[in-house]
N, C-alpha and C. Protein backbone atom coordinates (compact mmCIF):
# COMPACT_ATOMS: atom_id res chain seq x y z
N MET A 1 -1.16 -6.80 -11.43
CA MET A 1 0.29 -6.71 -11.44
C MET A 1 0.86 -7.94 -10.72
N LYS A 2 1.87 -8.49 -11.24
CA LYS A 2 2.48 -9.68 -10.66
C LYS A 2 3.18 -9.33 -9.34
N GLY A 3 3.32 -10.33 -8.49
CA GLY A 3 3.92 -10.12 -7.18
C GLY A 3 5.37 -9.68 -7.25
N TRP A 4 6.11 -10.23 -8.18
CA TRP A 4 7.53 -9.87 -8.26
C TRP A 4 7.71 -8.43 -8.73
N LYS A 5 6.76 -7.92 -9.53
CA LYS A 5 6.85 -6.52 -9.98
C LYS A 5 6.61 -5.56 -8.81
N ILE A 6 5.65 -5.90 -7.96
CA ILE A 6 5.37 -5.06 -6.80
C ILE A 6 6.57 -5.06 -5.85
N ARG A 7 7.16 -6.24 -5.64
CA ARG A 7 8.33 -6.32 -4.76
C ARG A 7 9.53 -5.58 -5.36
N ALA A 8 9.69 -5.65 -6.68
CA ALA A 8 10.79 -4.93 -7.33
C ALA A 8 10.60 -3.42 -7.23
N ILE A 9 9.36 -2.96 -7.37
CA ILE A 9 9.09 -1.53 -7.21
C ILE A 9 9.39 -1.10 -5.78
N GLY A 10 9.04 -1.93 -4.80
CA GLY A 10 9.34 -1.62 -3.41
C GLY A 10 10.84 -1.55 -3.16
N LEU A 11 11.57 -2.47 -3.73
CA LEU A 11 13.02 -2.46 -3.57
C LEU A 11 13.64 -1.23 -4.21
N LEU A 12 13.15 -0.86 -5.39
CA LEU A 12 13.66 0.35 -6.04
C LEU A 12 13.32 1.61 -5.26
N LEU A 13 12.13 1.65 -4.65
CA LEU A 13 11.78 2.80 -3.82
C LEU A 13 12.68 2.91 -2.60
N MET A 14 13.04 1.77 -2.01
CA MET A 14 13.95 1.81 -0.86
C MET A 14 15.33 2.31 -1.27
N VAL A 15 15.82 1.86 -2.41
CA VAL A 15 17.12 2.32 -2.90
C VAL A 15 17.06 3.81 -3.22
N PHE A 16 15.97 4.24 -3.86
CA PHE A 16 15.80 5.66 -4.19
C PHE A 16 15.75 6.52 -2.92
N GLY A 17 15.08 6.03 -1.88
CA GLY A 17 15.03 6.76 -0.62
C GLY A 17 16.40 6.86 0.03
N GLY A 18 17.19 5.82 -0.05
CA GLY A 18 18.55 5.87 0.48
C GLY A 18 19.42 6.86 -0.26
N LEU A 19 19.27 6.88 -1.60
CA LEU A 19 20.05 7.84 -2.39
C LEU A 19 19.62 9.28 -2.11
N LEU A 20 18.31 9.49 -1.93
CA LEU A 20 17.85 10.83 -1.57
C LEU A 20 18.39 11.27 -0.21
N PHE A 21 18.45 10.33 0.73
CA PHE A 21 18.98 10.66 2.05
C PHE A 21 20.44 11.05 1.98
N ILE A 22 21.22 10.28 1.23
CA ILE A 22 22.65 10.59 1.08
C ILE A 22 22.82 11.95 0.41
N TRP A 23 22.00 12.23 -0.60
CA TRP A 23 22.09 13.51 -1.30
C TRP A 23 21.72 14.66 -0.38
N SER A 24 20.68 14.48 0.45
CA SER A 24 20.25 15.57 1.33
C SER A 24 21.28 15.85 2.42
N VAL A 25 21.93 14.83 2.91
CA VAL A 25 22.90 15.05 3.99
C VAL A 25 24.22 15.58 3.45
N ARG A 26 24.65 15.08 2.30
CA ARG A 26 25.98 15.41 1.81
C ARG A 26 26.02 16.69 0.98
N ASP A 27 25.04 16.90 0.10
CA ASP A 27 25.18 17.93 -0.92
C ASP A 27 24.32 19.18 -0.71
N ILE A 28 23.20 19.07 -0.05
CA ILE A 28 22.32 20.24 0.11
C ILE A 28 22.76 21.03 1.33
N GLN A 29 23.00 22.32 1.14
CA GLN A 29 23.54 23.15 2.22
C GLN A 29 22.47 23.98 2.93
N SER A 30 21.42 24.40 2.23
CA SER A 30 20.41 25.22 2.88
C SER A 30 19.44 24.34 3.68
N GLU A 31 18.82 24.94 4.68
CA GLU A 31 18.13 24.16 5.70
C GLU A 31 16.81 23.55 5.21
N TRP A 32 15.91 24.36 4.65
CA TRP A 32 14.59 23.85 4.31
C TRP A 32 14.60 22.85 3.17
N PRO A 33 15.35 23.06 2.09
CA PRO A 33 15.40 21.99 1.07
C PRO A 33 15.98 20.68 1.61
N GLN A 34 16.94 20.78 2.53
CA GLN A 34 17.50 19.58 3.12
C GLN A 34 16.44 18.84 3.94
N ILE A 35 15.61 19.59 4.65
CA ILE A 35 14.54 18.97 5.44
C ILE A 35 13.52 18.30 4.52
N PHE A 36 13.11 18.98 3.46
CA PHE A 36 12.10 18.41 2.57
C PHE A 36 12.62 17.19 1.82
N VAL A 37 13.85 17.22 1.35
CA VAL A 37 14.41 16.05 0.66
C VAL A 37 14.61 14.91 1.65
N GLY A 38 14.99 15.23 2.87
CA GLY A 38 15.12 14.19 3.89
C GLY A 38 13.80 13.54 4.22
N LEU A 39 12.73 14.33 4.32
CA LEU A 39 11.41 13.76 4.56
C LEU A 39 10.92 12.94 3.37
N LEU A 40 11.22 13.40 2.16
CA LEU A 40 10.87 12.63 0.97
C LEU A 40 11.62 11.30 0.94
N SER A 41 12.87 11.31 1.39
CA SER A 41 13.62 10.06 1.42
C SER A 41 13.05 9.09 2.44
N VAL A 42 12.62 9.59 3.59
CA VAL A 42 12.01 8.73 4.60
C VAL A 42 10.69 8.17 4.09
N PHE A 43 9.89 9.01 3.43
CA PHE A 43 8.61 8.56 2.90
C PHE A 43 8.79 7.49 1.82
N SER A 44 9.72 7.71 0.90
CA SER A 44 9.90 6.73 -0.17
C SER A 44 10.49 5.43 0.35
N THR A 45 11.37 5.52 1.35
CA THR A 45 11.91 4.29 1.95
C THR A 45 10.81 3.52 2.67
N ALA A 46 9.95 4.23 3.39
CA ALA A 46 8.86 3.56 4.10
C ALA A 46 7.86 2.93 3.14
N MET A 47 7.53 3.62 2.06
CA MET A 47 6.61 3.05 1.08
C MET A 47 7.23 1.85 0.37
N GLY A 48 8.53 1.92 0.08
CA GLY A 48 9.21 0.79 -0.53
C GLY A 48 9.23 -0.41 0.38
N PHE A 49 9.47 -0.19 1.66
CA PHE A 49 9.47 -1.28 2.62
C PHE A 49 8.08 -1.89 2.74
N ALA A 50 7.05 -1.04 2.74
CA ALA A 50 5.68 -1.54 2.84
C ALA A 50 5.31 -2.37 1.62
N LEU A 51 5.73 -1.93 0.44
CA LEU A 51 5.44 -2.71 -0.77
C LEU A 51 6.21 -4.02 -0.79
N THR A 52 7.39 -4.02 -0.20
CA THR A 52 8.20 -5.23 -0.19
C THR A 52 7.61 -6.30 0.72
N ILE A 53 7.07 -5.91 1.88
CA ILE A 53 6.56 -6.90 2.82
C ILE A 53 5.05 -7.10 2.73
N MET A 54 4.39 -6.43 1.80
CA MET A 54 2.94 -6.51 1.68
C MET A 54 2.51 -7.91 1.28
N PRO A 55 1.50 -8.48 1.97
CA PRO A 55 0.99 -9.79 1.53
C PRO A 55 0.24 -9.64 0.21
N LEU A 56 0.41 -10.59 -0.68
CA LEU A 56 -0.15 -10.48 -2.02
C LEU A 56 -1.22 -11.54 -2.26
N ASP A 57 -2.32 -11.45 -1.55
CA ASP A 57 -3.45 -12.37 -1.73
C ASP A 57 -4.57 -11.70 -2.51
N ILE A 58 -4.25 -10.76 -3.35
CA ILE A 58 -5.27 -9.93 -3.99
C ILE A 58 -6.06 -10.72 -5.03
N ASN A 59 -5.39 -11.33 -5.98
CA ASN A 59 -6.06 -12.03 -7.09
C ASN A 59 -5.89 -13.53 -6.99
N ASN A 60 -6.10 -14.08 -5.83
CA ASN A 60 -5.96 -15.52 -5.66
C ASN A 60 -7.29 -16.18 -5.96
N GLU A 61 -7.45 -16.74 -7.16
CA GLU A 61 -8.71 -17.35 -7.58
C GLU A 61 -8.78 -18.83 -7.24
N ASP A 62 -7.72 -19.40 -6.67
CA ASP A 62 -7.72 -20.82 -6.36
C ASP A 62 -8.55 -21.14 -5.11
N THR A 63 -8.59 -20.23 -4.16
CA THR A 63 -9.32 -20.48 -2.92
C THR A 63 -10.66 -19.78 -2.97
N GLU A 64 -11.67 -20.44 -2.42
CA GLU A 64 -12.99 -19.86 -2.34
C GLU A 64 -13.24 -19.42 -0.90
N ALA A 65 -13.78 -18.22 -0.74
CA ALA A 65 -13.97 -17.69 0.61
C ALA A 65 -15.23 -18.16 1.21
């Protein structure tokens, strides 16, 4: 997978996590679903951030180790 695709997926995951957080705080009224959606939003935001800053030296065939 190309580097820009991985970074784009990470950016989309961060945006999705933000939208989930807004939805859980604003629209969900019962306690446990709000907690689970909030945790899912934190997880997706963290995974998106990790994919965005991940070093991409996976398929570098130019350098010999």
